């Protein structure tokens, strides 16, 4: 249903049978991982006019991996992470990959 690099890739799916006979397949809820359980591999200081997708492109080589930075910094609003230049952002591996693994 999703590419292997998507934050939704490993989520279980479910099916809802509607009264009109149609079945709708959907992804179950994704809970944010506790940041302290993610293996930190670096840090990035926010610069003026930074955007999370651009930082992800620089750090991971893929702008669509911005969600990894948001997860690592417990962000419900990813734009808030780059609102203040000088903020230090944790850069981590995805959930389930220990330090020394491959992440980006």
Protein backbone atom coordinates (compact mmCIF):
# COMPACT_ATOMS: atom_id res chain seq x y z
CA UNK A 1 0.00 0.00 0.00
CA UNK A 2 2.95 2.37 0.74
CA UNK A 3 6.59 2.51 -0.36
CA UNK A 4 9.22 0.99 1.93
CA UNK A 5 10.44 4.47 2.97
CA UNK A 6 7.00 5.66 4.07
CA UNK A 7 6.21 6.16 7.76
CA UNK A 8 3.06 4.12 7.09
CA UNK A 9 4.82 1.16 5.42
CA UNK A 10 4.76 -1.31 8.29
CA UNK A 11 1.38 -0.37 9.73
CA UNK A 12 -1.30 -3.04 9.74
CA UNK A 13 -4.34 -2.54 7.56
CA UNK A 14 -7.97 -3.27 8.27
CA UNK A 15 -11.17 -3.49 6.25
CA UNK A 16 -14.44 -1.75 6.97
CA UNK A 17 -17.53 -3.25 5.34
CA UNK A 18 -19.99 -0.50 4.50
CA UNK A 19 -23.79 -0.90 4.56
CA UNK A 20 -23.94 -0.59 0.76
CA UNK A 21 -21.76 -3.69 0.36
CA UNK A 22 -18.49 -1.93 -0.42
CA UNK A 23 -15.34 -2.75 1.54
CA UNK A 24 -12.87 -0.01 2.37
CA UNK A 25 -9.30 -0.95 3.25
CA UNK A 26 -7.44 1.48 5.52
CA UNK A 27 -4.25 1.84 7.49
CA UNK A 28 -4.59 1.58 11.24
CA UNK A 29 -3.49 4.42 13.48
CA UNK A 30 0.20 5.30 13.70
CA UNK A 31 1.53 6.17 17.14
CA UNK A 32 4.60 8.34 17.42
CA UNK A 33 7.61 6.43 18.72
CA UNK A 34 9.22 7.70 21.92
CA UNK A 35 12.18 9.79 20.67
CA UNK A 36 14.45 8.41 23.39
CA UNK A 37 14.05 4.95 21.82
CA UNK A 38 15.37 6.15 18.44
CA UNK A 39 19.11 5.79 17.81
CA UNK A 40 20.58 9.27 17.41
CA UNK A 41 23.10 9.57 14.58
CA UNK A 42 23.59 13.32 14.54
CA UNK A 43 22.28 16.77 15.08
CA UNK A 44 21.41 19.67 12.78
CA UNK A 45 21.12 23.34 13.72
CA UNK A 46 18.21 25.18 12.09
CA UNK A 47 19.28 28.04 9.81
CA UNK A 48 17.14 31.00 8.72
CA UNK A 49 14.55 29.98 6.08
CA UNK A 50 15.19 26.25 6.66
CA UNK A 51 12.38 23.82 5.91
CA UNK A 52 12.12 20.31 7.28
CA UNK A 53 11.89 18.71 3.84
CA UNK A 54 15.08 20.46 2.74
CA UNK A 55 16.90 19.39 5.89
CA UNK A 56 15.76 15.79 5.30
CA UNK A 57 17.01 16.00 1.70
CA UNK A 58 20.38 17.22 2.95
CA UNK A 59 20.68 14.71 5.81
CA UNK A 60 19.02 11.60 4.34
CA UNK A 61 19.17 12.30 0.60
CA UNK A 62 15.35 12.14 0.47
CA UNK A 63 13.11 15.12 1.29
CA UNK A 64 10.16 12.79 1.95
CA UNK A 65 11.97 11.48 5.03
CA UNK A 66 11.15 14.72 6.91
CA UNK A 67 8.89 12.64 9.17
CA UNK A 68 11.96 10.98 10.69
CA UNK A 69 13.17 14.36 11.98
CA UNK A 70 9.69 15.19 13.24
CA UNK A 71 9.49 11.86 15.11
CA UNK A 72 12.98 12.30 16.58
CA UNK A 73 12.02 15.69 17.96
CA UNK A 74 8.49 14.78 19.18
CA UNK A 75 6.85 17.22 16.77
CA UNK A 76 3.13 17.20 16.17
CA UNK A 77 3.57 20.28 13.92
CA UNK A 78 6.68 19.73 11.75
CA UNK A 79 6.81 23.41 10.73
CA UNK A 80 7.36 24.40 14.37
CA UNK A 81 10.75 22.63 14.29
CA UNK A 82 12.19 25.18 11.86
CA UNK A 83 10.40 28.29 13.18
CA UNK A 84 13.39 29.43 15.25
CA UNK A 85 16.90 29.53 13.76
CA UNK A 86 19.46 28.06 16.13
CA UNK A 87 17.29 25.21 17.32
CA UNK A 88 19.15 21.90 17.50
CA UNK A 89 17.33 19.02 15.84
CA UNK A 90 18.02 15.40 16.68
CA UNK A 91 18.74 13.22 13.65
CA UNK A 92 17.93 9.56 14.28
CA UNK A 93 17.52 6.23 12.62
CA UNK A 94 13.99 5.00 11.97
CA UNK A 95 12.22 2.99 14.69
CA UNK A 96 13.56 -0.52 15.10
CA UNK A 97 17.03 0.16 13.67
CA UNK A 98 19.72 0.14 16.37
CA UNK A 99 22.77 2.38 16.34
CA UNK A 100 25.29 0.99 13.91
CA UNK A 101 22.47 0.02 11.47
CA UNK A 102 21.72 1.72 8.20
CA UNK A 103 19.26 4.55 8.18
CA UNK A 104 19.63 6.88 5.33
